[in-house]
Amino acid sequence: PSRRETAITTGLVLAMSAVAALFFFAADQLIGFAVRALFGGG
């Protein structure tokens, strides 16, 4: 691959990793909220 192709691919991998991290953070917060609401306190 050319330097440009490598840079674009690297950028896409970093961006998708950030999107996945945000998704799993939000899912974790939502599940934690639901568990606290279901079982109270904590």
Full PDB file with SEQRES, HELIX, SHEET, SSBOND, CRYST1, ORIGX, SCALE, CONECT and MASTER records, all heavy atoms in Angstrom:
SEQRES   1 A   42  PRO SER ARG ARG GLU THR ALA ILE THR THR GLY LEU VAL          
SEQRES   2 A   42  LEU ALA MET SER ALA VAL ALA ALA LEU PHE PHE PHE ALA          
SEQRES   3 A   42  ALA ASP GLN LEU ILE GLY PHE ALA VAL ARG ALA LEU PHE          
SEQRES   4 A   42  GLY GLY GLY                                                  
HELIX    1 AA1 ARG A    3  PHE A   39  1                                  37    
CRYST1    1.000    1.000    1.000  90.00  90.00  90.00 P 1           1          
ORIGX1      1.000000  0.000000  0.000000        0.00000                         
ORIGX2      0.000000  1.000000  0.000000        0.00000                         
ORIGX3      0.000000  0.000000  1.000000        0.00000                         
SCALE1      1.000000  0.000000  0.000000        0.00000                         
SCALE2      0.000000  1.000000  0.000000        0.00000                         
SCALE3      0.000000  0.000000  1.000000        0.00000                         
ATOM      1  N   PRO A   1       0.830  -1.207   0.000  1.00  0.00           N  
ATOM      2  CA  PRO A   1       0.000   0.000   0.000  1.00  0.00           C  
ATOM      3  C   PRO A   1       0.864   1.256   0.000  1.00  0.00           C  
ATOM      4  O   PRO A   1       1.983   1.258   0.514  1.00  0.00           O  
ATOM      5  CB  PRO A   1      -0.780  -0.114   1.313  1.00  0.00           C  
ATOM      6  CG  PRO A   1       0.052  -0.982   2.182  1.00  0.00           C  
ATOM      7  CD  PRO A   1       0.764  -1.929   1.259  1.00  0.00           C  
ATOM      8  N   SER A   2       0.304   2.310  -0.565  1.00  0.00           N  
ATOM      9  CA  SER A   2       1.022   3.588  -0.569  1.00  0.00           C  
ATOM     10  C   SER A   2       0.942   4.211   0.830  1.00  0.00           C  
ATOM     11  O   SER A   2       0.172   3.773   1.691  1.00  0.00           O  
ATOM     12  CB  SER A   2       0.395   4.545  -1.582  1.00  0.00           C  
ATOM     13  OG  SER A   2      -0.906   4.924  -1.157  1.00  0.00           O  
ATOM     14  N   ARG A   3       1.735   5.256   1.034  1.00  0.00           N  
ATOM     15  CA  ARG A   3       1.715   5.958   2.328  1.00  0.00           C  
ATOM     16  C   ARG A   3       0.316   6.526   2.590  1.00  0.00           C  
ATOM     17  O   ARG A   3      -0.185   6.472   3.705  1.00  0.00           O  
ATOM     18  CB  ARG A   3       2.753   7.070   2.318  1.00  0.00           C  
ATOM     19  CG  ARG A   3       2.837   7.840   3.624  1.00  0.00           C  
ATOM     20  CD  ARG A   3       3.928   8.887   3.587  1.00  0.00           C  
ATOM     21  NE  ARG A   3       5.237   8.306   3.496  1.00  0.00           N  
ATOM     22  CZ  ARG A   3       6.004   8.000   4.538  1.00  0.00           C  
ATOM     23  NH1 ARG A   3       5.545   8.227   5.745  1.00  0.00           N  
ATOM     24  NH2 ARG A   3       7.201   7.492   4.364  1.00  0.00           N  
ATOM     25  N   ARG A   4      -0.328   7.044   1.532  1.00  0.00           N  
ATOM     26  CA  ARG A   4      -1.670   7.623   1.678  1.00  0.00           C  
ATOM     27  C   ARG A   4      -2.683   6.555   2.075  1.00  0.00           C  
ATOM     28  O   ARG A   4      -3.513   6.765   2.964  1.00  0.00           O  
ATOM     29  CB  ARG A   4      -2.072   8.289   0.368  1.00  0.00           C  
ATOM     30  CG  ARG A   4      -3.419   8.982   0.422  1.00  0.00           C  
ATOM     31  CD  ARG A   4      -3.688   9.763  -0.868  1.00  0.00           C  
ATOM     32  NE  ARG A   4      -4.916  10.503  -0.783  1.00  0.00           N  
ATOM     33  CZ  ARG A   4      -6.110  10.021  -1.142  1.00  0.00           C  
ATOM     34  NH1 ARG A   4      -6.204   8.799  -1.630  1.00  0.00           N  
ATOM     35  NH2 ARG A   4      -7.195  10.760  -1.031  1.00  0.00           N  
ATOM     36  N   GLU A   5      -2.639   5.391   1.408  1.00  0.00           N  
ATOM     37  CA  GLU A   5      -3.557   4.297   1.737  1.00  0.00           C  
ATOM     38  C   GLU A   5      -3.354   3.822   3.175  1.00  0.00           C  
ATOM     39  O   GLU A   5      -4.327   3.553   3.887  1.00  0.00           O  
ATOM     40  CB  GLU A   5      -3.344   3.118   0.792  1.00  0.00           C  
ATOM     41  CG  GLU A   5      -3.812   3.371  -0.626  1.00  0.00           C  
ATOM     42  CD  GLU A   5      -3.406   2.268  -1.584  1.00  0.00           C  
ATOM     43  OE1 GLU A   5      -2.320   1.675  -1.405  1.00  0.00           O  
ATOM     44  OE2 GLU A   5      -4.186   2.007  -2.518  1.00  0.00           O  
ATOM     45  N   THR A   6      -2.104   3.758   3.596  1.00  0.00           N  
ATOM     46  CA  THR A   6      -1.803   3.334   4.957  1.00  0.00           C  
ATOM     47  C   THR A   6      -2.342   4.343   5.964  1.00  0.00           C  
ATOM     48  O   THR A   6      -2.928   3.966   6.986  1.00  0.00           O  
ATOM     49  CB  THR A   6      -0.283   3.160   5.151  1.00  0.00           C  
ATOM     50  OG1 THR A   6       0.190   2.206   4.195  1.00  0.00           O  
ATOM     51  CG2 THR A   6       0.050   2.680   6.539  1.00  0.00           C  
ATOM     52  N   ALA A   7      -2.174   5.630   5.685  1.00  0.00           N  
ATOM     53  CA  ALA A   7      -2.667   6.672   6.590  1.00  0.00           C  
ATOM     54  C   ALA A   7      -4.189   6.650   6.672  1.00  0.00           C  
ATOM     55  O   ALA A   7      -4.757   6.760   7.769  1.00  0.00           O  
ATOM     56  CB  ALA A   7      -2.178   8.041   6.126  1.00  0.00           C  
ATOM     57  N   ILE A   8      -4.855   6.486   5.536  1.00  0.00           N  
ATOM     58  CA  ILE A   8      -6.321   6.447   5.528  1.00  0.00           C  
ATOM     59  C   ILE A   8      -6.825   5.234   6.295  1.00  0.00           C  
ATOM     60  O   ILE A   8      -7.739   5.333   7.128  1.00  0.00           O  
ATOM     61  CB  ILE A   8      -6.855   6.445   4.077  1.00  0.00           C  
ATOM     62  CG1 ILE A   8      -6.628   7.822   3.444  1.00  0.00           C  
ATOM     63  CG2 ILE A   8      -8.327   6.070   4.039  1.00  0.00           C  
ATOM     64  CD1 ILE A   8      -6.931   7.865   1.956  1.00  0.00           C  
ATOM     65  N   THR A   9      -6.221   4.086   6.061  1.00  0.00           N  
ATOM     66  CA  THR A   9      -6.637   2.864   6.752  1.00  0.00           C  
ATOM     67  C   THR A   9      -6.404   2.990   8.253  1.00  0.00           C  
ATOM     68  O   THR A   9      -7.255   2.595   9.055  1.00  0.00           O  
ATOM     69  CB  THR A   9      -5.871   1.651   6.195  1.00  0.00           C  
ATOM     70  OG1 THR A   9      -6.096   1.576   4.792  1.00  0.00           O  
ATOM     71  CG2 THR A   9      -6.319   0.369   6.842  1.00  0.00           C  
ATOM     72  N   THR A  10      -5.273   3.554   8.643  1.00  0.00           N  
ATOM     73  CA  THR A  10      -4.980   3.751  10.061  1.00  0.00           C  
ATOM     74  C   THR A  10      -6.006   4.686  10.697  1.00  0.00           C  
ATOM     75  O   THR A  10      -6.505   4.425  11.797  1.00  0.00           O  
ATOM     76  CB  THR A  10      -3.563   4.326  10.244  1.00  0.00           C  
ATOM     77  OG1 THR A  10      -2.619   3.413   9.676  1.00  0.00           O  
ATOM     78  CG2 THR A  10      -3.240   4.554  11.713  1.00  0.00           C  
ATOM     79  N   GLY A  11      -6.338   5.758   9.996  1.00  0.00           N  
ATOM     80  CA  GLY A  11      -7.348   6.691  10.500  1.00  0.00           C  
ATOM     81  C   GLY A  11      -8.702   6.023  10.672  1.00  0.00           C  
ATOM     82  O   GLY A  11      -9.394   6.239  11.678  1.00  0.00           O  
ATOM     83  N   LEU A  12      -9.087   5.201   9.707  1.00  0.00           N  
ATOM     84  CA  LEU A  12     -10.362   4.495   9.809  1.00  0.00           C  
ATOM     85  C   LEU A  12     -10.367   3.507  10.973  1.00  0.00           C  
ATOM     86  O   LEU A  12     -11.373   3.383  11.685  1.00  0.00           O  
ATOM     87  CB  LEU A  12     -10.669   3.763   8.505  1.00  0.00           C  
ATOM     88  CG  LEU A  12     -11.054   4.663   7.331  1.00  0.00           C  
ATOM     89  CD1 LEU A  12     -11.164   3.854   6.038  1.00  0.00           C  
ATOM     90  CD2 LEU A  12     -12.370   5.362   7.617  1.00  0.00           C  
ATOM     91  N   VAL A  13      -9.275   2.813  11.172  1.00  0.00           N  
ATOM     92  CA  VAL A  13      -9.189   1.866  12.294  1.00  0.00           C  
ATOM     93  C   VAL A  13      -9.315   2.618  13.616  1.00  0.00           C  
ATOM     94  O   VAL A  13     -10.053   2.191  14.523  1.00  0.00           O  
ATOM     95  CB  VAL A  13      -7.878   1.058  12.239  1.00  0.00           C  
ATOM     96  CG1 VAL A  13      -7.624   0.316  13.543  1.00  0.00           C  
ATOM     97  CG2 VAL A  13      -7.900   0.081  11.079  1.00  0.00           C  
ATOM     98  N   LEU A  14      -8.617   3.750  13.757  1.00  0.00           N  
ATOM     99  CA  LEU A  14      -8.707   4.534  14.987  1.00  0.00           C  
ATOM    100  C   LEU A  14     -10.121   5.084  15.196  1.00  0.00           C  
ATOM    101  O   LEU A  14     -10.643   5.061  16.317  1.00  0.00           O  
ATOM    102  CB  LEU A  14      -7.685   5.663  14.965  1.00  0.00           C  
ATOM    103  CG  LEU A  14      -6.217   5.221  15.031  1.00  0.00           C  
ATOM    104  CD1 LEU A  14      -5.292   6.426  14.852  1.00  0.00           C  
ATOM    105  CD2 LEU A  14      -5.920   4.491  16.314  1.00  0.00           C  
ATOM    106  N   ALA A  15     -10.737   5.561  14.131  1.00  0.00           N  
ATOM    107  CA  ALA A  15     -12.097   6.103  14.233  1.00  0.00           C  
ATOM    108  C   ALA A  15     -13.095   5.015  14.631  1.00  0.00           C  
ATOM    109  O   ALA A  15     -13.937   5.223  15.513  1.00  0.00           O  
ATOM    110  CB  ALA A  15     -12.507   6.745  12.912  1.00  0.00           C  
ATOM    111  N   MET A  16     -12.985   3.857  13.999  1.00  0.00           N  
ATOM    112  CA  MET A  16     -13.914   2.761  14.337  1.00  0.00           C  
ATOM    113  C   MET A  16     -13.671   2.252  15.755  1.00  0.00           C  
ATOM    114  O   MET A  16     -14.617   1.850  16.441  1.00  0.00           O  
ATOM    115  CB  MET A  16     -13.796   1.631  13.318  1.00  0.00           C  
ATOM    116  CG  MET A  16     -14.332   1.991  11.949  1.00  0.00           C  
ATOM    117  SD  MET A  16     -16.035   2.610  11.972  1.00  0.00           S  
ATOM    118  CE  MET A  16     -16.909   1.175  12.531  1.00  0.00           C  
ATOM    119  N   SER A  17     -12.432   2.278  16.208  1.00  0.00           N  
ATOM    120  CA  SER A  17     -12.135   1.888  17.587  1.00  0.00           C  
ATOM    121  C   SER A  17     -12.779   2.868  18.564  1.00  0.00           C  
ATOM    122  O   SER A  17     -13.328   2.460  19.597  1.00  0.00           O  
ATOM    123  CB  SER A  17     -10.625   1.839  17.817  1.00  0.00           C  
ATOM    124  OG  SER A  17     -10.033   0.846  17.018  1.00  0.00           O  
ATOM    125  N   ALA A  18     -12.731   4.148  18.232  1.00  0.00           N  
ATOM    126  CA  ALA A  18     -13.358   5.157  19.086  1.00  0.00           C  
ATOM    127  C   ALA A  18     -14.873   4.984  19.110  1.00  0.00           C  
ATOM    128  O   ALA A  18     -15.509   5.070  20.172  1.00  0.00           O  
ATOM    129  CB  ALA A  18     -12.987   6.559  18.606  1.00  0.00           C  
ATOM    130  N   VAL A  19     -15.470   4.717  17.950  1.00  0.00           N  
ATOM    131  CA  VAL A  19     -16.919   4.488  17.881  1.00  0.00           C  
ATOM    132  C   VAL A  19     -17.300   3.259  18.704  1.00  0.00           C  
ATOM    133  O   VAL A  19     -18.277   3.283  19.473  1.00  0.00           O  
ATOM    134  CB  VAL A  19     -17.379   4.334  16.409  1.00  0.00           C  
ATOM    135  CG1 VAL A  19     -18.806   3.825  16.327  1.00  0.00           C  
ATOM    136  CG2 VAL A  19     -17.244   5.663  15.679  1.00  0.00           C  
ATOM    137  N   ALA A  20     -16.541   2.184  18.582  1.00  0.00           N  
ATOM    138  CA  ALA A  20     -16.816   0.972  19.357  1.00  0.00           C  
ATOM    139  C   ALA A  20     -16.668   1.242  20.851  1.00  0.00           C  
ATOM    140  O   ALA A  20     -17.485   0.782  21.656  1.00  0.00           O  
ATOM    141  CB  ALA A  20     -15.885  -0.157  18.915  1.00  0.00           C  
ATOM    142  N   ALA A  21     -15.637   2.002  21.236  1.00  0.00           N  
ATOM    143  CA  ALA A  21     -15.442   2.325  22.651  1.00  0.00           C  
ATOM    144  C   ALA A  21     -16.622   3.124  23.194  1.00  0.00           C  
ATOM    145  O   ALA A  21     -17.118   2.849  24.302  1.00  0.00           O  
ATOM    146  CB  ALA A  21     -14.141   3.100  22.834  1.00  0.00           C  
ATOM    147  N   LEU A  22     -17.083   4.109  22.418  1.00  0.00           N  
ATOM    148  CA  LEU A  22     -18.242   4.895  22.854  1.00  0.00           C  
ATOM    149  C   LEU A  22     -19.502   4.041  22.957  1.00  0.00           C  
ATOM    150  O   LEU A  22     -20.280   4.170  23.911  1.00  0.00           O  
ATOM    151  CB  LEU A  22     -18.473   6.067  21.897  1.00  0.00           C  
ATOM    152  CG  LEU A  22     -17.424   7.182  21.957  1.00  0.00           C  
ATOM    153  CD1 LEU A  22     -17.664   8.184  20.832  1.00  0.00           C  
ATOM    154  CD2 LEU A  22     -17.459   7.865  23.317  1.00  0.00           C  
ATOM    155  N   PHE A  23     -19.699   3.158  22.003  1.00  0.00           N  
ATOM    156  CA  PHE A  23     -20.867   2.274  22.034  1.00  0.00           C  
ATOM    157  C   PHE A  23     -20.849   1.391  23.280  1.00  0.00           C  
ATOM    158  O   PHE A  23     -21.849   1.278  23.997  1.00  0.00           O  
ATOM    159  CB  PHE A  23     -20.921   1.398  20.774  1.00  0.00           C  
ATOM    160  CG  PHE A  23     -21.949   0.312  20.864  1.00  0.00           C  
ATOM    161  CD1 PHE A  23     -23.290   0.596  20.681  1.00  0.00           C  
ATOM    162  CD2 PHE A  23     -21.574  -0.987  21.159  1.00  0.00           C  
ATOM    163  CE1 PHE A  23     -24.251  -0.393  20.786  1.00  0.00           C  
ATOM    164  CE2 PHE A  23     -22.520  -1.989  21.258  1.00  0.00           C  
ATOM    165  CZ  PHE A  23     -23.864  -1.696  21.073  1.00  0.00           C  
ATOM    166  N   PHE A  24     -19.709   0.753  23.542  1.00  0.00           N  
ATOM    167  CA  PHE A  24     -19.642  -0.145  24.694  1.00  0.00           C  
ATOM    168  C   PHE A  24     -19.696   0.620  26.017  1.00  0.00           C  
ATOM    169  O   PHE A  24     -20.244   0.130  27.002  1.00  0.00           O  
ATOM    170  CB  PHE A  24     -18.402  -1.045  24.616  1.00  0.00           C  
ATOM    171  CG  PHE A  24     -18.553  -2.113  23.574  1.00  0.00           C  
ATOM    172  CD1 PHE A  24     -17.735  -2.131  22.457  1.00  0.00           C  
ATOM    173  CD2 PHE A  24     -19.522  -3.095  23.687  1.00  0.00           C  
ATOM    174  CE1 PHE A  24     -17.873  -3.101  21.493  1.00  0.00           C  
ATOM    175  CE2 PHE A  24     -19.676  -4.073  22.732  1.00  0.00           C  
ATOM    176  CZ  PHE A  24     -18.849  -4.085  21.627  1.00  0.00           C  
ATOM    177  N   PHE A  25     -19.166   1.839  26.047  1.00  0.00           N  
ATOM    178  CA  PHE A  25     -19.304   2.671  27.245  1.00  0.00           C  
ATOM    179  C   PHE A  25     -20.777   2.979  27.498  1.00  0.00           C  
ATOM    180  O   PHE A  25     -21.267   2.836  28.622  1.00  0.00           O  
ATOM    181  CB  PHE A  25     -18.503   3.964  27.087  1.00  0.00           C  
ATOM    182  CG  PHE A  25     -18.689   4.908  28.243  1.00  0.00           C  
ATOM    183  CD1 PHE A  25     -18.059   4.673  29.450  1.00  0.00           C  
ATOM    184  CD2 PHE A  25     -19.502   6.020  28.113  1.00  0.00           C  
ATOM    185  CE1 PHE A  25     -18.240   5.541  30.523  1.00  0.00           C  
ATOM    186  CE2 PHE A  25     -19.693   6.884  29.176  1.00  0.00           C  
ATOM    187  CZ  PHE A  25     -19.056   6.652  30.388  1.00  0.00           C  
ATOM    188  N   ALA A  26     -21.484   3.400  26.447  1.00  0.00           N  
ATOM    189  CA  ALA A  26     -22.909   3.721  26.591  1.00  0.00           C  
ATOM    190  C   ALA A  26     -23.709   2.483  26.988  1.00  0.00           C  
ATOM    191  O   ALA A  26     -24.587   2.551  27.868  1.00  0.00           O  
ATOM    192  CB  ALA A  26     -23.448   4.308  25.289  1.00  0.00           C  
ATOM    193  N   ALA A  27     -23.425   1.341  26.374  1.00  0.00           N  
ATOM    194  CA  ALA A  27     -24.130   0.102  26.717  1.00  0.00           C  
ATOM    195  C   ALA A  27     -23.856  -0.283  28.167  1.00  0.00           C  
ATOM    196  O   ALA A  27     -24.776  -0.686  28.903  1.00  0.00           O  
ATOM    197  CB  ALA A  27     -23.699  -1.023  25.772  1.00  0.00           C  
ATOM    198  N   ASP A  28     -22.624  -0.143  28.607  1.00  0.00           N  
ATOM    199  CA  ASP A  28     -22.269  -0.468  29.989  1.00  0.00           C  
ATOM    200  C   ASP A  28     -23.002   0.446  30.969  1.00  0.00           C  
ATOM    201  O   ASP A  28     -23.520  -0.020  31.994  1.00  0.00           O  
ATOM    202  CB  ASP A  28     -20.758  -0.346  30.175  1.00  0.00           C  
ATOM    203  CG  ASP A  28     -20.325  -0.691  31.583  1.00  0.00           C  
ATOM    204  OD1 ASP A  28     -20.630  -1.821  32.035  1.00  0.00           O  
ATOM    205  OD2 ASP A  28     -19.678   0.154  32.228  1.00  0.00           O  
ATOM    206  N   GLN A  29     -23.063   1.743  30.647  1.00  0.00           N  
ATOM    207  CA  GLN A  29     -23.764   2.681  31.520  1.00  0.00           C  
ATOM    208  C   GLN A  29     -25.261   2.356  31.579  1.00  0.00           C  
ATOM    209  O   GLN A  29     -25.868   2.397  32.651  1.00  0.00           O  
ATOM    210  CB  GLN A  29     -23.553   4.117  31.036  1.00  0.00           C  
ATOM    211  CG  GLN A  29     -22.116   4.593  31.162  1.00  0.00           C  
ATOM    212  CD  GLN A  29     -21.623   4.590  32.594  1.00  0.00           C  
ATOM    213  OE1 GLN A  29     -22.281   5.119  33.492  1.00  0.00           O  
ATOM    214  NE2 GLN A  29     -20.475   3.985  32.817  1.00  0.00           N  
ATOM    215  N   LEU A  30     -25.842   2.040  30.438  1.00  0.00           N  
ATOM    216  CA  LEU A  30     -27.265   1.710  30.378  1.00  0.00           C  
ATOM    217  C   LEU A  30     -27.571   0.438  31.164  1.00  0.00           C  
ATOM    218  O   LEU A  30     -28.530   0.391  31.942  1.00  0.00           O  
ATOM    219  CB  LEU A  30     -27.702   1.552  28.916  1.00  0.00           C  
ATOM    220  CG  LEU A  30     -29.183   1.300  28.677  1.00  0.00           C  
ATOM    221  CD1 LEU A  30     -30.001   2.491  29.158  1.00  0.00           C  
ATOM    222  CD2 LEU A  30     -29.435   1.050  27.205  1.00  0.00           C  
ATOM    223  N   ILE A  31     -26.757  -0.573  30.990  1.00  0.00           N  
ATOM    224  CA  ILE A  31     -26.965  -1.830  31.718  1.00  0.00           C  
ATOM    225  C   ILE A  31     -26.766  -1.612  33.218  1.00  0.00           C  
ATOM    226  O   ILE A  31     -27.539  -2.117  34.040  1.00  0.00           O  
ATOM    227  CB  ILE A  31     -26.029  -2.934  31.177  1.00  0.00           C  
ATOM    228  CG1 ILE A  31     -26.452  -3.313  29.768  1.00  0.00           C  
ATOM    229  CG2 ILE A  31     -26.023  -4.152  32.092  1.00  0.00           C  
ATOM    230  CD1 ILE A  31     -25.451  -4.195  29.029  1.00  0.00           C  
ATOM    231  N   GLY A  32     -25.746  -0.823  33.577  1.00  0.00           N  
ATOM    232  CA  GLY A  32     -25.526  -0.513  34.999  1.00  0.00           C  
ATOM    233  C   GLY A  32     -26.703   0.233  35.597  1.00  0.00           C  
ATOM    234  O   GLY A  32     -27.128  -0.060  36.724  1.00  0.00           O  
ATOM    235  N   PHE A  33     -27.226   1.198  34.857  1.00  0.00           N  
ATOM    236  CA  PHE A  33     -28.412   1.929  35.321  1.00  0.00           C  
ATOM    237  C   PHE A  33     -29.587   0.984  35.518  1.00  0.00           C  
ATOM    238  O   PHE A  33     -30.293   1.051  36.533  1.00  0.00           O  
ATOM    239  CB  PHE A  33     -28.772   3.029  34.320  1.00  0.00           C  
ATOM    240  CG  PHE A  33     -30.039   3.754  34.661  1.00  0.00           C  
ATOM    241  CD1 PHE A  33     -30.058   4.692  35.686  1.00  0.00           C  
ATOM    242  CD2 PHE A  33     -31.214   3.496  33.963  1.00  0.00           C  
ATOM    243  CE1 PHE A  33     -31.228   5.364  36.003  1.00  0.00           C  
ATOM    244  CE2 PHE A  33     -32.380   4.148  34.283  1.00  0.00           C  
ATOM    245  CZ  PHE A  33     -32.396   5.082  35.304  1.00  0.00           C  
ATOM    246  N   ALA A  34     -29.811   0.090  34.568  1.00  0.00           N  
ATOM    247  CA  ALA A  34     -30.929  -0.856  34.649  1.00  0.00           C  
ATOM    248  C   ALA A  34     -30.746  -1.800  35.841  1.00  0.00           C  
ATOM    249  O   ALA A  34     -31.725  -2.068  36.572  1.00  0.00           O  
ATOM    250  CB  ALA A  34     -31.033  -1.658  33.359  1.00  0.00           C  
ATOM    251  N   VAL A  35     -29.555  -2.273  36.078  1.00  0.00           N  
ATOM    252  CA  VAL A  35     -29.322  -3.177  37.210  1.00  0.00           C  
ATOM    253  C   VAL A  35     -29.530  -2.441  38.524  1.00  0.00           C  
ATOM    254  O   VAL A  35     -30.157  -2.977  39.467  1.00  0.00           O  
ATOM    255  CB  VAL A  35     -27.896  -3.792  37.119  1.00  0.00           C  
ATOM    256  CG1 VAL A  35     -27.519  -4.495  38.415  1.00  0.00           C  
ATOM    257  CG2 VAL A  35     -27.807  -4.756  35.950  1.00  0.00           C  
ATOM    258  N   ARG A  36     -29.025  -1.193  38.627  1.00  0.00           N  
ATOM    259  CA  ARG A  36     -29.231  -0.425  39.855  1.00  0.00           C  
ATOM    260  C   ARG A  36     -30.720  -0.138  40.080  1.00  0.00           C  
ATOM    261  O   ARG A  36     -31.197  -0.183  41.213  1.00  0.00           O  
ATOM    262  CB  ARG A  36     -28.435   0.879  39.797  1.00  0.00           C  
ATOM    263  CG  ARG A  36     -26.951   0.677  40.060  1.00  0.00           C  
ATOM    264  CD  ARG A  36     -26.206   1.998  40.233  1.00  0.00           C  
ATOM    265  NE  ARG A  36     -26.257   2.848  39.045  1.00  0.00           N  
ATOM    266  CZ  ARG A  36     -25.440   2.722  38.000  1.00  0.00           C  
ATOM    267  NH1 ARG A  36     -24.510   1.791  38.003  1.00  0.00           N  
ATOM    268  NH2 ARG A  36     -25.559   3.535  36.964  1.00  0.00           N  
ATOM    269  N   ALA A  37     -31.457   0.148  39.018  1.00  0.00           N  
ATOM    270  CA  ALA A  37     -32.880   0.420  39.136  1.00  0.00           C  
ATOM    271  C   ALA A  37     -33.631  -0.853  39.545  1.00  0.00           C  
ATOM    272  O   ALA A  37     -34.575  -0.795  40.334  1.00  0.00           O  
ATOM    273  CB  ALA A  37     -33.433   0.954  37.832  1.00  0.00           C  
ATOM    274  N   LEU A  38     -33.201  -1.973  39.020  1.00  0.00           N  
ATOM    275  CA  LEU A  38     -33.877  -3.245  39.295  1.00  0.00           C  
ATOM    276  C   LEU A  38     -33.603  -3.725  40.720  1.00  0.00           C  
ATOM    277  O   LEU A  38     -34.520  -4.164  41.425  1.00  0.00           O  
ATOM    278  CB  LEU A  38     -33.425  -4.301  38.280  1.00  0.00           C  
ATOM    279  CG  LEU A  38     -34.111  -5.662  38.327  1.00  0.00           C  
ATOM    280  CD1 LEU A  38     -35.601  -5.490  38.039  1.00  0.00           C  
ATOM    281  CD2 LEU A  38     -33.486  -6.582  37.319  1.00  0.00           C  
ATOM    282  N   PHE A  39     -32.357  -3.634  41.147  1.00  0.00           N  
ATOM    283  CA  PHE A  39     -31.982  -4.172  42.453  1.00  0.00           C  
ATOM    284  C   PHE A  39     -31.814  -3.095  43.517  1.00  0.00           C  
ATOM    285  O   PHE A  39     -31.548  -3.403  44.675  1.00  0.00           O  
ATOM    286  CB  PHE A  39     -30.690  -4.996  42.325  1.00  0.00           C  
ATOM    287  CG  PHE A  39     -30.862  -6.215  41.491  1.00  0.00           C  
ATOM    288  CD1 PHE A  39     -30.236  -6.328  40.253  1.00  0.00           C  
ATOM    289  CD2 PHE A  39     -31.661  -7.276  41.915  1.00  0.00           C  
ATOM    290  CE1 PHE A  39     -30.405  -7.437  39.476  1.00  0.00           C  
ATOM    291  CE2 PHE A  39     -31.821  -8.398  41.133  1.00  0.00           C  
ATOM    292  CZ  PHE A  39     -31.193  -8.489  39.901  1.00  0.00           C  
ATOM    293  N   GLY A  40     -31.937  -1.845  43.124  1.00  0.00           N  
ATOM    294  CA  GLY A  40     -31.881  -0.736  44.070  1.00  0.00           C  
ATOM    295  C   GLY A  40     -30.477  -0.398  44.527  1.00  0.00           C  
ATOM    296  O   GLY A  40     -29.563  -1.228  44.520  1.00  0.00           O  
ATOM    297  N   GLY A  41     -30.290   0.864  44.882  1.00  0.00           N  
ATOM    298  CA  GLY A  41     -29.058   1.374  45.475  1.00  0.00           C  
ATOM    299  C   GLY A  41     -27.780   0.932  44.797  1.00  0.00           C  
ATOM    300  O   GLY A  41     -27.650   0.907  43.588  1.00  0.00           O  
ATOM    301  N   GLY A  42     -26.830   0.587  45.628  1.00  0.00           N  
ATOM    302  CA  GLY A  42     -25.532   0.160  45.124  1.00  0.00           C  
ATOM    303  C   GLY A  42     -24.608   1.345  44.889  1.00  0.00           C  
ATOM    304  O   GLY A  42     -25.012   2.493  44.942  1.00  0.00           O  
TER     305      GLY A  42                                                      
MASTER        0    0    0    1    0    0    0    6  304    1    0    4          
END                                                                             
